[in-house]
Protein backbone atom coordinates (compact mmCIF):
# COMPACT_ATOMS: atom_id res chain seq x y z
CA MET A 1 8.70 155.27 48.25
CA LEU A 2 9.74 156.86 44.96
CA SER A 3 7.56 156.71 41.91
CA THR A 4 8.86 154.28 39.32
CA ARG A 5 9.00 157.16 36.84
CA ILE A 6 11.36 159.29 38.89
CA VAL A 7 14.92 158.49 39.82
CA LEU A 8 16.89 160.94 41.94
CA LEU A 9 20.50 161.49 40.98
CA ILE A 10 23.18 163.64 42.53
CA PHE A 11 25.42 165.64 40.23
CA ILE A 12 28.20 167.64 41.87
CA GLY A 13 26.18 168.08 45.04
CA ARG A 14 23.05 169.20 43.19
CA LEU A 15 19.90 167.15 43.48
CA SER A 16 18.46 166.57 40.05
CA THR A 17 15.44 164.67 38.76
CA CYS A 18 15.84 162.30 35.87
CA THR A 19 12.61 161.30 34.16
CA GLY A 20 12.47 159.45 30.86
CA GLY A 21 16.03 160.35 29.91
CA LEU A 22 15.42 164.06 30.47
CA LEU A 23 17.76 165.50 33.04
CA LYS A 24 17.22 168.92 34.59
CA ILE A 25 20.04 170.61 36.43
CA ASN A 26 20.59 174.23 37.42
CA ALA A 27 22.55 174.71 34.21
CA GLY A 28 19.66 173.74 31.94
CA THR A 29 17.67 170.82 30.62
CA ILE A 30 18.98 168.29 28.13
CA VAL A 31 18.07 164.80 26.95
CA ILE A 32 20.78 162.43 28.12
CA PRO A 33 21.40 159.49 25.75
CA CYS A 34 21.22 156.00 27.22
CA SER A 35 24.03 154.75 24.99
CA LEU A 36 27.70 155.41 25.56
CA SER A 37 28.27 155.55 21.80
CA ALA A 38 26.43 158.88 21.66
CA TYR A 39 29.37 160.46 23.49
CA ASP A 40 32.16 158.43 21.82
CA ALA A 41 32.99 160.70 18.86
CA ASP A 42 35.96 158.67 17.62
CA LYS A 43 34.19 155.32 18.24
CA ASP A 44 37.17 153.79 20.08
CA GLY A 45 35.03 152.47 22.95
CA LEU A 46 36.39 155.01 25.43
CA VAL A 47 34.83 158.37 26.23
CA THR A 48 37.19 161.22 27.05
CA GLU A 49 36.42 164.44 28.90
CA GLU A 50 36.86 166.32 25.62
CA GLU A 51 34.30 164.14 23.85
CA VAL A 52 31.74 164.68 26.61
CA GLU A 53 32.31 168.42 26.71
CA LYS A 54 31.98 168.62 22.90
CA PHE A 55 28.76 166.57 23.08
CA PHE A 56 27.23 169.11 25.45
CA LEU A 57 28.63 172.09 23.50
CA ASP A 58 26.92 170.72 20.39
CA LYS A 59 23.61 171.00 22.30
CA ASP A 60 23.87 174.83 22.20
CA ASN A 61 25.23 175.14 25.73
CA THR A 62 27.83 177.70 26.77
CA GLU A 63 31.36 176.52 27.55
CA GLU A 64 30.67 176.98 31.27
CA VAL A 65 27.50 174.88 31.15
CA SER A 66 29.25 172.20 29.06
CA LYS A 67 32.07 172.08 31.60
CA THR A 68 29.52 171.59 34.41
CA TRP A 69 27.85 168.77 32.49
CA ARG A 70 31.25 167.17 31.78
CA GLU A 71 32.20 167.31 35.46
CA SER A 72 28.84 165.80 36.42
CA PHE A 73 29.16 163.05 33.83
CA PHE A 74 32.65 162.04 34.98
CA GLU A 75 31.71 162.29 38.66
CA GLN A 76 28.93 159.80 38.02
CA PHE A 77 30.45 157.41 35.48
CA ASP A 78 34.29 157.48 35.79
CA LEU A 79 34.45 154.93 38.57
CA ASN A 80 38.22 154.31 38.44
CA HIS A 81 39.04 158.04 38.03
CA ASP A 82 41.25 157.55 34.95
CA HIS A 83 39.53 160.40 33.05
CA LEU A 84 38.02 157.89 30.61
CA VAL A 85 34.62 156.21 30.73
CA GLN A 86 34.59 152.61 29.53
CA VAL A 87 31.46 150.69 28.59
CA GLU A 88 31.64 148.70 31.84
CA GLU A 89 31.66 151.85 33.98
CA PHE A 90 28.76 153.41 32.09
CA TYR A 91 26.48 150.41 32.44
CA LEU A 92 27.29 149.83 36.14
CA ASP A 93 25.20 152.86 37.12
CA LYS A 94 22.01 150.96 37.91
CA ALA A 95 19.81 153.98 38.68
CA TYR A 96 20.68 155.58 35.34
CA GLN A 97 20.12 152.38 33.39
CA GLU A 98 16.81 151.73 35.17
CA ASP A 99 15.68 155.20 34.12
CA CYS A 100 16.67 154.44 30.52
CA ILE A 101 14.67 151.20 30.60
CA LEU A 102 11.64 153.01 32.06
CA SER A 103 11.95 155.68 29.39
CA ALA A 104 11.99 153.06 26.63
CA LEU A 105 8.98 151.29 28.13
CA MET A 106 7.04 154.56 28.42
CA LYS A 107 7.70 155.35 24.75
CA GLY A 108 6.79 151.90 23.49
């Protein structure tokens, strides 16, 4: 049985551990926001691949690392494969949302 503090996620075939909103992958460690609006630069309710890549570039990652993060993000959240992530798709990932809830509870 897994600890309630650890949720295992798979990103592009890599096993990663997500604890309290902190995601570690071979490409580095970054805090992943629990809100889709953090990625939605133009605030239109849709997140594009460009917005996600820019989000990760703004975290002082290289272009290659940002591309890896973008691919991982869309592999996980773009359920209908239209190259956009809608609010519904983002919040359907139960493991991710459970980790966000646990993170909030641990902080509070």
